[in-house]
Amino acid sequence: MTRTNDRLPRLTDDERRANLGKAMEVRHQRAELKKALKCRKATMADVLNGDEGFVAGMRVLDLIRSMPGYGSARARKLMARLGIDERRRVGGLGPRQRAKLLDAFGE
């Protein structure tokens, strides 16, 4: 891997294909997690207390919208009430924000 202008790495075709495969797998894992939350096979506590790496990059807004009964408007209102920015990702939540989120879902 060589660097161009010290900004972006220049990837070979094999590296690019490998990265695309990894990205596709992460999207698939997140989709499965969202389905599990929607069907109540998983809880917010499972997600926030788990150690799955693919969850850290997920937006909190998307996570909340995956919960039964939550759409965009209700999820945004909850995040505003909890003081969590809409652009925040799960991995960037602090311990207090995690506790508030778990409390909001009764977990």
C-alpha atoms as a PDB file:
ATOM      1  CA  MET A   1       0.000   0.000   0.000  1.00  0.00           C
ATOM      2  CA  THR A   2       1.533   3.300  -1.074  1.00  0.00           C
ATOM      3  CA  ARG A   3       0.404   6.746  -0.023  1.00  0.00           C
ATOM      4  CA  THR A   4      -0.497   9.530  -2.412  1.00  0.00           C
ATOM      5  CA  ASN A   5       0.095  12.996  -0.988  1.00  0.00           C
ATOM      6  CA  ASP A   6      -0.025  11.499   2.538  1.00  0.00           C
ATOM      7  CA  ARG A   7      -3.828  11.635   2.408  1.00  0.00           C
ATOM      8  CA  LEU A   8      -5.459   8.574   0.966  1.00  0.00           C
ATOM      9  CA  PRO A   9      -3.868   5.168   0.620  1.00  0.00           C
ATOM     10  CA  ARG A  10      -3.663   3.770  -2.885  1.00  0.00           C
ATOM     11  CA  LEU A  11      -5.098   0.271  -2.683  1.00  0.00           C
ATOM     12  CA  THR A  12      -4.508  -2.635  -4.971  1.00  0.00           C
ATOM     13  CA  ASP A  13      -7.511  -4.323  -6.537  1.00  0.00           C
ATOM     14  CA  ASP A  14      -7.196  -7.220  -4.092  1.00  0.00           C
ATOM     15  CA  GLU A  15      -7.104  -4.870  -1.093  1.00  0.00           C
ATOM     16  CA  ARG A  16     -10.102  -2.958  -2.417  1.00  0.00           C
ATOM     17  CA  ARG A  17     -12.085  -6.186  -2.927  1.00  0.00           C
ATOM     18  CA  ALA A  18     -11.176  -7.360   0.581  1.00  0.00           C
ATOM     19  CA  ASN A  19     -12.311  -4.050   2.085  1.00  0.00           C
ATOM     20  CA  LEU A  20     -15.577  -4.156   0.150  1.00  0.00           C
ATOM     21  CA  GLY A  21     -16.159  -7.684   1.436  1.00  0.00           C
ATOM     22  CA  LYS A  22     -15.552  -6.567   5.032  1.00  0.00           C
ATOM     23  CA  ALA A  23     -17.913  -3.619   4.616  1.00  0.00           C
ATOM     24  CA  MET A  24     -20.602  -5.869   3.174  1.00  0.00           C
ATOM     25  CA  GLU A  25     -20.260  -8.265   6.109  1.00  0.00           C
ATOM     26  CA  VAL A  26     -20.595  -5.409   8.630  1.00  0.00           C
ATOM     27  CA  ARG A  27     -23.731  -4.133   6.870  1.00  0.00           C
ATOM     28  CA  HIS A  28     -25.165  -7.656   6.951  1.00  0.00           C
ATOM     29  CA  GLN A  29     -24.410  -8.024  10.681  1.00  0.00           C
ATOM     30  CA  ARG A  30     -26.037  -4.654  11.441  1.00  0.00           C
ATOM     31  CA  ALA A  31     -29.120  -5.597   9.420  1.00  0.00           C
ATOM     32  CA  GLU A  32     -29.434  -8.861  11.365  1.00  0.00           C
ATOM     33  CA  LEU A  33     -29.090  -6.962  14.643  1.00  0.00           C
ATOM     34  CA  LYS A  34     -31.810  -4.505  13.608  1.00  0.00           C
ATOM     35  CA  LYS A  35     -34.126  -7.398  12.733  1.00  0.00           C
ATOM     36  CA  ALA A  36     -33.445  -9.040  16.098  1.00  0.00           C
ATOM     37  CA  LEU A  37     -34.252  -5.798  17.928  1.00  0.00           C
ATOM     38  CA  LYS A  38     -37.438  -5.247  15.927  1.00  0.00           C
ATOM     39  CA  CYS A  39     -38.603  -8.826  16.637  1.00  0.00           C
ATOM     40  CA  ARG A  40     -37.601  -8.518  20.320  1.00  0.00           C
ATOM     41  CA  LYS A  41     -35.050 -11.326  20.066  1.00  0.00           C
ATOM     42  CA  ALA A  42     -32.420  -8.891  21.349  1.00  0.00           C
ATOM     43  CA  THR A  43     -32.596  -5.993  23.795  1.00  0.00           C
ATOM     44  CA  MET A  44     -30.897  -2.635  24.039  1.00  0.00           C
ATOM     45  CA  ALA A  45     -28.916  -4.021  26.994  1.00  0.00           C
ATOM     46  CA  ASP A  46     -27.652  -6.885  24.820  1.00  0.00           C
ATOM     47  CA  VAL A  47     -26.408  -4.390  22.260  1.00  0.00           C
ATOM     48  CA  LEU A  48     -24.851  -1.843  24.624  1.00  0.00           C
ATOM     49  CA  ASN A  49     -23.279  -4.423  26.927  1.00  0.00           C
ATOM     50  CA  GLY A  50     -22.071  -6.692  24.135  1.00  0.00           C
ATOM     51  CA  ASP A  51     -18.618  -6.621  22.632  1.00  0.00           C
ATOM     52  CA  GLU A  52     -19.445  -6.867  18.933  1.00  0.00           C
ATOM     53  CA  GLY A  53     -17.148  -4.527  17.037  1.00  0.00           C
ATOM     54  CA  PHE A  54     -19.617  -3.822  14.243  1.00  0.00           C
ATOM     55  CA  VAL A  55     -21.998  -2.122  16.704  1.00  0.00           C
ATOM     56  CA  ALA A  56     -19.518   0.620  17.658  1.00  0.00           C
ATOM     57  CA  GLY A  57     -19.734   2.299  14.251  1.00  0.00           C
ATOM     58  CA  MET A  58     -23.522   2.213  14.143  1.00  0.00           C
ATOM     59  CA  ARG A  59     -25.419   5.467  14.666  1.00  0.00           C
ATOM     60  CA  VAL A  60     -27.449   5.614  17.864  1.00  0.00           C
ATOM     61  CA  LEU A  61     -30.391   7.017  15.877  1.00  0.00           C
ATOM     62  CA  ASP A  62     -30.441   3.886  13.687  1.00  0.00           C
ATOM     63  CA  LEU A  63     -30.218   1.700  16.771  1.00  0.00           C
ATOM     64  CA  ILE A  64     -33.200   3.386  18.447  1.00  0.00           C
ATOM     65  CA  ARG A  65     -35.236   3.317  15.229  1.00  0.00           C
ATOM     66  CA  SER A  66     -34.723  -0.450  15.220  1.00  0.00           C
ATOM     67  CA  MET A  67     -36.617  -0.760  18.488  1.00  0.00           C
ATOM     68  CA  PRO A  68     -40.308  -1.698  18.237  1.00  0.00           C
ATOM     69  CA  GLY A  69     -42.553   1.376  18.218  1.00  0.00           C
ATOM     70  CA  TYR A  70     -39.791   3.830  17.329  1.00  0.00           C
ATOM     71  CA  GLY A  71     -39.667   5.707  14.066  1.00  0.00           C
ATOM     72  CA  SER A  72     -37.549   8.674  13.087  1.00  0.00           C
ATOM     73  CA  ALA A  73     -39.550  11.322  14.940  1.00  0.00           C
ATOM     74  CA  ARG A  74     -39.875   9.417  18.199  1.00  0.00           C
ATOM     75  CA  ALA A  75     -36.203   8.375  18.121  1.00  0.00           C
ATOM     76  CA  ARG A  76     -35.089  11.984  17.563  1.00  0.00           C
ATOM     77  CA  LYS A  77     -37.267  13.209  20.438  1.00  0.00           C
ATOM     78  CA  LEU A  78     -35.813  10.570  22.747  1.00  0.00           C
ATOM     79  CA  MET A  79     -32.257  11.450  21.784  1.00  0.00           C
ATOM     80  CA  ALA A  80     -32.939  15.154  22.354  1.00  0.00           C
ATOM     81  CA  ARG A  81     -34.450  14.398  25.765  1.00  0.00           C
ATOM     82  CA  LEU A  82     -31.428  12.263  26.697  1.00  0.00           C
ATOM     83  CA  GLY A  83     -28.959  14.859  25.413  1.00  0.00           C
ATOM     84  CA  ILE A  84     -27.445  12.612  22.744  1.00  0.00           C
ATOM     85  CA  ASP A  85     -26.484  14.230  19.450  1.00  0.00           C
ATOM     86  CA  GLU A  86     -28.171  12.706  16.385  1.00  0.00           C
ATOM     87  CA  ARG A  87     -24.800  12.054  14.745  1.00  0.00           C
ATOM     88  CA  ARG A  88     -23.413  10.128  17.735  1.00  0.00           C
ATOM     89  CA  ARG A  89     -22.291   6.570  17.154  1.00  0.00           C
ATOM     90  CA  VAL A  90     -22.726   3.765  19.676  1.00  0.00           C
ATOM     91  CA  GLY A  91     -18.987   3.492  20.251  1.00  0.00           C
ATOM     92  CA  GLY A  92     -18.856   7.190  21.150  1.00  0.00           C
ATOM     93  CA  LEU A  93     -21.433   7.004  23.934  1.00  0.00           C
ATOM     94  CA  GLY A  94     -20.182   7.726  27.407  1.00  0.00           C
ATOM     95  CA  PRO A  95     -21.170   5.666  30.465  1.00  0.00           C
ATOM     96  CA  ARG A  96     -23.859   8.168  31.500  1.00  0.00           C
ATOM     97  CA  GLN A  97     -25.387   8.271  28.034  1.00  0.00           C
ATOM     98  CA  ARG A  98     -25.441   4.467  27.920  1.00  0.00           C
ATOM     99  CA  ALA A  99     -27.125   4.372  31.328  1.00  0.00           C
ATOM    100  CA  LYS A 100     -29.725   6.946  30.226  1.00  0.00           C
ATOM    101  CA  LEU A 101     -30.439   4.964  27.073  1.00  0.00           C
ATOM    102  CA  LEU A 102     -30.862   1.710  28.998  1.00  0.00           C
ATOM    103  CA  ASP A 103     -33.087   3.482  31.514  1.00  0.00           C
ATOM    104  CA  ALA A 104     -35.238   4.901  28.701  1.00  0.00           C
ATOM    105  CA  PHE A 105     -35.927   1.363  27.497  1.00  0.00           C
ATOM    106  CA  GLY A 106     -36.485   0.024  30.998  1.00  0.00           C
ATOM    107  CA  GLU A 107     -33.415  -2.188  31.019  1.00  0.00           C
END
